[in-house]
Amino acid sequence: MLAKLKTTAAGLGQSLKFPSPAALTKLLPLVVLAIGLTALTMMFMWRSEAGYKPLFGAQENVAAADTMAALDAEKIP
């Protein structure tokens, strides 16, 4: 059984073709751009949600009346 698994794994390894180093070099700027755009988008989304405050937690010093007023202002039941 172990020999069969080894031959199967060897066959799969030979059938997989990885890109050449030249192709990877060409893809590198695209990958860097994608990572950069993702980071900028995440920072923008994080910054745009500045008014968000968790309702419960040990570190939030928000009075219950303020929480209820905020929920009422947003028409959240």
PDB file of N, CA and C in Angstrom:
ATOM      1  N   MET A   1       0.822  -1.186   0.000  1.00  0.00           N
ATOM      2  CA  MET A   1       0.000   0.000   0.000  1.00  0.00           C
ATOM      3  C   MET A   1       0.871   1.256   0.000  1.00  0.00           C
ATOM      4  N   LEU A   2       1.924   1.241   0.804  1.00  0.00           N
ATOM      5  CA  LEU A   2       2.821   2.400   0.867  1.00  0.00           C
ATOM      6  C   LEU A   2       3.523   2.618  -0.462  1.00  0.00           C
ATOM      7  N   ALA A   3       3.893   1.530  -1.129  1.00  0.00           N
ATOM      8  CA  ALA A   3       4.549   1.636  -2.433  1.00  0.00           C
ATOM      9  C   ALA A   3       3.598   2.241  -3.460  1.00  0.00           C
ATOM     10  N   LYS A   4       2.316   1.856  -3.386  1.00  0.00           N
ATOM     11  CA  LYS A   4       1.323   2.409  -4.312  1.00  0.00           C
ATOM     12  C   LYS A   4       1.153   3.912  -4.091  1.00  0.00           C
ATOM     13  N   LEU A   5       1.132   4.343  -2.833  1.00  0.00           N
ATOM     14  CA  LEU A   5       1.027   5.773  -2.526  1.00  0.00           C
ATOM     15  C   LEU A   5       2.242   6.536  -3.039  1.00  0.00           C
ATOM     16  N   LYS A   6       3.418   5.944  -2.893  1.00  0.00           N
ATOM     17  CA  LYS A   6       4.636   6.598  -3.371  1.00  0.00           C
ATOM     18  C   LYS A   6       4.619   6.767  -4.887  1.00  0.00           C
ATOM     19  N   THR A   7       4.174   5.739  -5.607  1.00  0.00           N
ATOM     20  CA  THR A   7       4.135   5.849  -7.072  1.00  0.00           C
ATOM     21  C   THR A   7       3.071   6.849  -7.513  1.00  0.00           C
ATOM     22  N   THR A   8       1.963   6.894  -6.806  1.00  0.00           N
ATOM     23  CA  THR A   8       0.916   7.867  -7.129  1.00  0.00           C
ATOM     24  C   THR A   8       1.409   9.285  -6.879  1.00  0.00           C
ATOM     25  N   ALA A   9       2.069   9.487  -5.753  1.00  0.00           N
ATOM     26  CA  ALA A   9       2.601  10.811  -5.428  1.00  0.00           C
ATOM     27  C   ALA A   9       3.678  11.223  -6.423  1.00  0.00           C
ATOM     28  N   ALA A  10       4.505  10.283  -6.840  1.00  0.00           N
ATOM     29  CA  ALA A  10       5.550  10.588  -7.827  1.00  0.00           C
ATOM     30  C   ALA A  10       4.923  10.962  -9.159  1.00  0.00           C
ATOM     31  N   GLY A  11       3.865  10.281  -9.542  1.00  0.00           N
ATOM     32  CA  GLY A  11       3.166  10.590 -10.785  1.00  0.00           C
ATOM     33  C   GLY A  11       2.531  11.964 -10.750  1.00  0.00           C
ATOM     34  N   LEU A  12       1.953  12.322  -9.610  1.00  0.00           N
ATOM     35  CA  LEU A  12       1.356  13.650  -9.469  1.00  0.00           C
ATOM     36  C   LEU A  12       2.427  14.732  -9.507  1.00  0.00           C
ATOM     37  N   GLY A  13       3.544  14.454  -8.898  1.00  0.00           N
ATOM     38  CA  GLY A  13       4.635  15.432  -8.889  1.00  0.00           C
ATOM     39  C   GLY A  13       5.190  15.697 -10.273  1.00  0.00           C
ATOM     40  N   GLN A  14       5.226  14.685 -11.106  1.00  0.00           N
ATOM     41  CA  GLN A  14       5.729  14.860 -12.461  1.00  0.00           C
ATOM     42  C   GLN A  14       4.714  15.550 -13.354  1.00  0.00           C
ATOM     43  N   SER A  15       3.417  15.366 -13.076  1.00  0.00           N
ATOM     44  CA  SER A  15       2.395  15.968 -13.926  1.00  0.00           C
ATOM     45  C   SER A  15       2.188  17.449 -13.615  1.00  0.00           C
ATOM     46  N   LEU A  16       2.565  17.897 -12.416  1.00  0.00           N
ATOM     47  CA  LEU A  16       2.443  19.310 -12.082  1.00  0.00           C
ATOM     48  C   LEU A  16       3.574  20.095 -12.724  1.00  0.00           C
ATOM     49  N   LYS A  17       3.214  21.171 -13.403  1.00  0.00           N
ATOM     50  CA  LYS A  17       4.230  22.002 -14.040  1.00  0.00           C
ATOM     51  C   LYS A  17       4.190  23.377 -13.411  1.00  0.00           C
ATOM     52  N   PHE A  18       5.254  23.730 -12.766  1.00  0.00           N
ATOM     53  CA  PHE A  18       5.346  25.026 -12.125  1.00  0.00           C
ATOM     54  C   PHE A  18       5.843  26.056 -13.132  1.00  0.00           C
ATOM     55  N   PRO A  19       5.452  27.312 -12.958  1.00  0.00           N
ATOM     56  CA  PRO A  19       5.915  28.345 -13.894  1.00  0.00           C
ATOM     57  C   PRO A  19       7.431  28.505 -13.831  1.00  0.00           C
ATOM     58  N   SER A  20       7.975  28.915 -14.940  1.00  0.00           N
ATOM     59  CA  SER A  20       9.421  29.125 -14.999  1.00  0.00           C
ATOM     60  C   SER A  20       9.796  30.373 -14.205  1.00  0.00           C
ATOM     61  N   PRO A  21      11.053  30.507 -13.819  1.00  0.00           N
ATOM     62  CA  PRO A  21      11.478  31.715 -13.099  1.00  0.00           C
ATOM     63  C   PRO A  21      11.218  32.995 -13.895  1.00  0.00           C
ATOM     64  N   ALA A  22      11.317  32.924 -15.228  1.00  0.00           N
ATOM     65  CA  ALA A  22      11.041  34.112 -16.044  1.00  0.00           C
ATOM     66  C   ALA A  22       9.571  34.513 -15.937  1.00  0.00           C
ATOM     67  N   ALA A  23       8.685  33.533 -15.921  1.00  0.00           N
ATOM     68  CA  ALA A  23       7.256  33.830 -15.792  1.00  0.00           C
ATOM     69  C   ALA A  23       6.951  34.401 -14.414  1.00  0.00           C
ATOM     70  N   LEU A  24       7.603  33.841 -13.384  1.00  0.00           N
ATOM     71  CA  LEU A  24       7.401  34.360 -12.040  1.00  0.00           C
ATOM     72  C   LEU A  24       7.904  35.790 -11.923  1.00  0.00           C
ATOM     73  N   THR A  25       8.993  36.116 -12.599  1.00  0.00           N
ATOM     74  CA  THR A  25       9.531  37.469 -12.584  1.00  0.00           C
ATOM     75  C   THR A  25       8.546  38.430 -13.242  1.00  0.00           C
ATOM     76  N   LYS A  26       7.868  37.983 -14.288  1.00  0.00           N
ATOM     77  CA  LYS A  26       6.880  38.825 -14.953  1.00  0.00           C
ATOM     78  C   LYS A  26       5.627  39.014 -14.102  1.00  0.00           C
ATOM     79  N   LEU A  27       5.282  38.016 -13.302  1.00  0.00           N
ATOM     80  CA  LEU A  27       4.090  38.096 -12.461  1.00  0.00           C
ATOM     81  C   LEU A  27       4.319  38.884 -11.175  1.00  0.00           C
ATOM     82  N   LEU A  28       5.559  39.067 -10.772  1.00  0.00           N
ATOM     83  CA  LEU A  28       5.857  39.727  -9.502  1.00  0.00           C
ATOM     84  C   LEU A  28       5.255  41.127  -9.400  1.00  0.00           C
ATOM     85  N   PRO A  29       5.378  42.005 -10.409  1.00  0.00           N
ATOM     86  CA  PRO A  29       4.755  43.330 -10.277  1.00  0.00           C
ATOM     87  C   PRO A  29       3.236  43.260 -10.120  1.00  0.00           C
ATOM     88  N   LEU A  30       2.585  42.310 -10.788  1.00  0.00           N
ATOM     89  CA  LEU A  30       1.143  42.161 -10.662  1.00  0.00           C
ATOM     90  C   LEU A  30       0.756  41.718  -9.251  1.00  0.00           C
ATOM     91  N   VAL A  31       1.523  40.812  -8.696  1.00  0.00           N
ATOM     92  CA  VAL A  31       1.252  40.334  -7.337  1.00  0.00           C
ATOM     93  C   VAL A  31       1.464  41.465  -6.333  1.00  0.00           C
ATOM     94  N   VAL A  32       2.530  42.227  -6.494  1.00  0.00           N
ATOM     95  CA  VAL A  32       2.801  43.354  -5.592  1.00  0.00           C
ATOM     96  C   VAL A  32       1.688  44.392  -5.703  1.00  0.00           C
ATOM     97  N   LEU A  33       1.227  44.683  -6.908  1.00  0.00           N
ATOM     98  CA  LEU A  33       0.137  45.629  -7.112  1.00  0.00           C
ATOM     99  C   LEU A  33      -1.143  45.137  -6.452  1.00  0.00           C
ATOM    100  N   ALA A  34      -1.443  43.860  -6.596  1.00  0.00           N
ATOM    101  CA  ALA A  34      -2.646  43.296  -5.982  1.00  0.00           C
ATOM    102  C   ALA A  34      -2.583  43.385  -4.459  1.00  0.00           C
ATOM    103  N   ILE A  35      -1.425  43.092  -3.886  1.00  0.00           N
ATOM    104  CA  ILE A  35      -1.267  43.175  -2.433  1.00  0.00           C
ATOM    105  C   ILE A  35      -1.409  44.628  -1.980  1.00  0.00           C
ATOM    106  N   GLY A  36      -0.818  45.550  -2.725  1.00  0.00           N
ATOM    107  CA  GLY A  36      -0.911  46.969  -2.374  1.00  0.00           C
ATOM    108  C   GLY A  36      -2.334  47.490  -2.447  1.00  0.00           C
ATOM    109  N   LEU A  37      -3.059  47.130  -3.517  1.00  0.00           N
ATOM    110  CA  LEU A  37      -4.451  47.568  -3.639  1.00  0.00           C
ATOM    111  C   LEU A  37      -5.326  46.975  -2.544  1.00  0.00           C
ATOM    112  N   THR A  38      -5.068  45.734  -2.205  1.00  0.00           N
ATOM    113  CA  THR A  38      -5.810  45.106  -1.119  1.00  0.00           C
ATOM    114  C   THR A  38      -5.554  45.812   0.197  1.00  0.00           C
ATOM    115  N   ALA A  39      -4.301  46.141   0.465  1.00  0.00           N
ATOM    116  CA  ALA A  39      -3.962  46.842   1.705  1.00  0.00           C
ATOM    117  C   ALA A  39      -4.614  48.222   1.746  1.00  0.00           C
ATOM    118  N   LEU A  40      -4.580  48.956   0.635  1.00  0.00           N
ATOM    119  CA  LEU A  40      -5.213  50.280   0.596  1.00  0.00           C
ATOM    120  C   LEU A  40      -6.722  50.184   0.796  1.00  0.00           C
ATOM    121  N   THR A  41      -7.339  49.190   0.174  1.00  0.00           N
ATOM    122  CA  THR A  41      -8.782  49.004   0.327  1.00  0.00           C
ATOM    123  C   THR A  41      -9.140  48.677   1.765  1.00  0.00           C
ATOM    124  N   MET A  42      -8.360  47.812   2.379  1.00  0.00           N
ATOM    125  CA  MET A  42      -8.631  47.453   3.779  1.00  0.00           C
ATOM    126  C   MET A  42      -8.450  48.650   4.704  1.00  0.00           C
ATOM    127  N   MET A  43      -7.419  49.469   4.461  1.00  0.00           N
ATOM    128  CA  MET A  43      -7.221  50.659   5.294  1.00  0.00           C
ATOM    129  C   MET A  43      -8.365  51.650   5.103  1.00  0.00           C
ATOM    130  N   PHE A  44      -8.832  51.815   3.852  1.00  0.00           N
ATOM    131  CA  PHE A  44      -9.940  52.720   3.595  1.00  0.00           C
ATOM    132  C   PHE A  44     -11.203  52.233   4.299  1.00  0.00           C
ATOM    133  N   MET A  45     -11.478  50.933   4.203  1.00  0.00           N
ATOM    134  CA  MET A  45     -12.671  50.394   4.851  1.00  0.00           C
ATOM    135  C   MET A  45     -12.582  50.518   6.362  1.00  0.00           C
ATOM    136  N   TRP A  46     -11.403  50.292   6.910  1.00  0.00           N
ATOM    137  CA  TRP A  46     -11.217  50.410   8.353  1.00  0.00           C
ATOM    138  C   TRP A  46     -11.415  51.858   8.797  1.00  0.00           C
ATOM    139  N   ARG A  47     -10.896  52.786   8.007  1.00  0.00           N
ATOM    140  CA  ARG A  47     -11.002  54.210   8.355  1.00  0.00           C
ATOM    141  C   ARG A  47     -12.428  54.711   8.200  1.00  0.00           C
ATOM    142  N   SER A  48     -13.171  54.219   7.220  1.00  0.00           N
ATOM    143  CA  SER A  48     -14.525  54.703   6.994  1.00  0.00           C
ATOM    144  C   SER A  48     -15.493  54.222   8.063  1.00  0.00           C
ATOM    145  N   GLU A  49     -15.139  53.211   8.809  1.00  0.00           N
ATOM    146  CA  GLU A  49     -15.989  52.699   9.880  1.00  0.00           C
ATOM    147  C   GLU A  49     -15.578  53.263  11.234  1.00  0.00           C
ATOM    148  N   ALA A  50     -15.099  54.510  11.253  1.00  0.00           N
ATOM    149  CA  ALA A  50     -14.593  55.097  12.491  1.00  0.00           C
ATOM    150  C   ALA A  50     -15.688  55.276  13.534  1.00  0.00           C
ATOM    151  N   GLY A  51     -16.945  55.419  13.113  1.00  0.00           N
ATOM    152  CA  GLY A  51     -18.039  55.608  14.053  1.00  0.00           C
ATOM    153  C   GLY A  51     -18.510  54.324  14.703  1.00  0.00           C
ATOM    154  N   TYR A  52     -17.971  53.208  14.270  1.00  0.00           N
ATOM    155  CA  TYR A  52     -18.389  51.912  14.804  1.00  0.00           C
ATOM    156  C   TYR A  52     -17.856  51.735  16.214  1.00  0.00           C
ATOM    157  N   LYS A  53     -18.726  51.342  17.124  1.00  0.00           N
ATOM    158  CA  LYS A  53     -18.315  51.041  18.491  1.00  0.00           C
ATOM    159  C   LYS A  53     -19.009  49.754  18.927  1.00  0.00           C
ATOM    160  N   PRO A  54     -18.276  48.836  19.488  1.00  0.00           N
ATOM    161  CA  PRO A  54     -18.914  47.621  19.995  1.00  0.00           C
ATOM    162  C   PRO A  54     -19.875  47.960  21.140  1.00  0.00           C
ATOM    163  N   LEU A  55     -20.962  47.224  21.208  1.00  0.00           N
ATOM    164  CA  LEU A  55     -21.932  47.499  22.265  1.00  0.00           C
ATOM    165  C   LEU A  55     -21.495  46.919  23.602  1.00  0.00           C
ATOM    166  N   PHE A  56     -20.814  45.808  23.563  1.00  0.00           N
ATOM    167  CA  PHE A  56     -20.428  45.146  24.797  1.00  0.00           C
ATOM    168  C   PHE A  56     -18.927  44.925  24.813  1.00  0.00           C
ATOM    169  N   GLY A  57     -18.358  45.016  25.977  1.00  0.00           N
ATOM    170  CA  GLY A  57     -16.938  44.740  26.127  1.00  0.00           C
ATOM    171  C   GLY A  57     -16.424  45.386  27.398  1.00  0.00           C
ATOM    172  N   ALA A  58     -15.369  44.815  27.923  1.00  0.00           N
ATOM    173  CA  ALA A  58     -14.819  45.307  29.177  1.00  0.00           C
ATOM    174  C   ALA A  58     -14.036  46.596  28.985  1.00  0.00           C
ATOM    175  N   GLN A  59     -13.554  46.873  27.766  1.00  0.00           N
ATOM    176  CA  GLN A  59     -12.700  48.032  27.551  1.00  0.00           C
ATOM    177  C   GLN A  59     -13.474  49.268  27.115  1.00  0.00           C
ATOM    178  N   GLU A  60     -14.742  49.135  26.766  1.00  0.00           N
ATOM    179  CA  GLU A  60     -15.521  50.277  26.321  1.00  0.00           C
ATOM    180  C   GLU A  60     -16.178  50.955  27.516  1.00  0.00           C
ATOM    181  N   ASN A  61     -15.911  52.215  27.664  1.00  0.00           N
ATOM    182  CA  ASN A  61     -16.528  52.999  28.734  1.00  0.00           C
ATOM    183  C   ASN A  61     -17.644  53.849  28.128  1.00  0.00           C
ATOM    184  N   VAL A  62     -18.696  53.175  27.702  1.00  0.00           N
ATOM    185  CA  VAL A  62     -19.830  53.854  27.090  1.00  0.00           C
ATOM    186  C   VAL A  62     -21.032  53.645  27.994  1.00  0.00           C
ATOM    187  N   ALA A  63     -21.668  54.740  28.334  1.00  0.00           N
ATOM    188  CA  ALA A  63     -22.847  54.651  29.200  1.00  0.00           C
ATOM    189  C   ALA A  63     -23.992  54.003  28.428  1.00  0.00           C
ATOM    190  N   ALA A  64     -24.858  53.302  29.147  1.00  0.00           N
ATOM    191  CA  ALA A  64     -25.989  52.625  28.515  1.00  0.00           C
ATOM    192  C   ALA A  64     -26.907  53.632  27.829  1.00  0.00           C
ATOM    193  N   ALA A  65     -27.065  54.797  28.417  1.00  0.00           N
ATOM    194  CA  ALA A  65     -27.924  55.819  27.808  1.00  0.00           C
ATOM    195  C   ALA A  65     -27.355  56.283  26.463  1.00  0.00           C
ATOM    196  N   ASP A  66     -26.044  56.418  26.384  1.00  0.00           N
ATOM    197  CA  ASP A  66     -25.414  56.817  25.119  1.00  0.00           C
ATOM    198  C   ASP A  66     -25.591  55.730  24.064  1.00  0.00           C
ATOM    199  N   THR A  67     -25.488  54.483  24.480  1.00  0.00           N
ATOM    200  CA  THR A  67     -25.671  53.372  23.560  1.00  0.00           C
ATOM    201  C   THR A  67     -27.095  53.350  23.031  1.00  0.00           C
ATOM    202  N   MET A  68     -28.054  53.520  23.919  1.00  0.00           N
ATOM    203  CA  MET A  68     -29.456  53.526  23.502  1.00  0.00           C
ATOM    204  C   MET A  68     -29.746  54.711  22.585  1.00  0.00           C
ATOM    205  N   ALA A  69     -29.157  55.868  22.872  1.00  0.00           N
ATOM    206  CA  ALA A  69     -29.366  57.046  22.026  1.00  0.00           C
ATOM    207  C   ALA A  69     -28.796  56.809  20.630  1.00  0.00           C
ATOM    208  N   ALA A  70     -27.632  56.187  20.547  1.00  0.00           N
ATOM    209  CA  ALA A  70     -27.030  55.894  19.248  1.00  0.00           C
ATOM    210  C   ALA A  70     -27.874  54.895  18.471  1.00  0.00           C
ATOM    211  N   LEU A  71     -28.386  53.874  19.140  1.00  0.00           N
ATOM    212  CA  LEU A  71     -29.244  52.893  18.473  1.00  0.00           C
ATOM    213  C   LEU A  71     -30.549  53.535  17.999  1.00  0.00           C
ATOM    214  N   ASP A  72     -31.125  54.393  18.830  1.00  0.00           N
ATOM    215  CA  ASP A  72     -32.355  55.085  18.434  1.00  0.00           C
ATOM    216  C   ASP A  72     -32.096  56.027  17.249  1.00  0.00           C
ATOM    217  N   ALA A  73     -30.958  56.704  17.234  1.00  0.00           N
ATOM    218  CA  ALA A  73     -30.638  57.622  16.139  1.00  0.00           C
ATOM    219  C   ALA A  73     -30.488  56.874  14.821  1.00  0.00           C
ATOM    220  N   GLU A  74     -29.972  55.647  14.861  1.00  0.00           N
ATOM    221  CA  GLU A  74     -29.796  54.840  13.660  1.00  0.00           C
ATOM    222  C   GLU A  74     -31.043  54.017  13.336  1.00  0.00           C
ATOM    223  N   LYS A  75     -32.078  54.175  14.158  1.00  0.00           N
ATOM    224  CA  LYS A  75     -33.335  53.433  13.997  1.00  0.00           C
ATOM    225  C   LYS A  75     -33.114  51.925  14.028  1.00  0.00           C
ATOM    226  N   ILE A  76     -32.308  51.504  14.998  1.00  0.00           N
ATOM    227  CA  ILE A  76     -32.034  50.086  15.200  1.00  0.00           C
ATOM    228  C   ILE A  76     -32.851  49.633  16.418  1.00  0.00           C
ATOM    229  N   PRO A  77     -33.731  48.656  16.226  1.00  0.00           N
ATOM    230  CA  PRO A  77     -34.583  48.243  17.373  1.00  0.00           C
ATOM    231  C   PRO A  77     -33.808  47.507  18.437  1.00  0.00           C
TER     232      PRO A  77
END
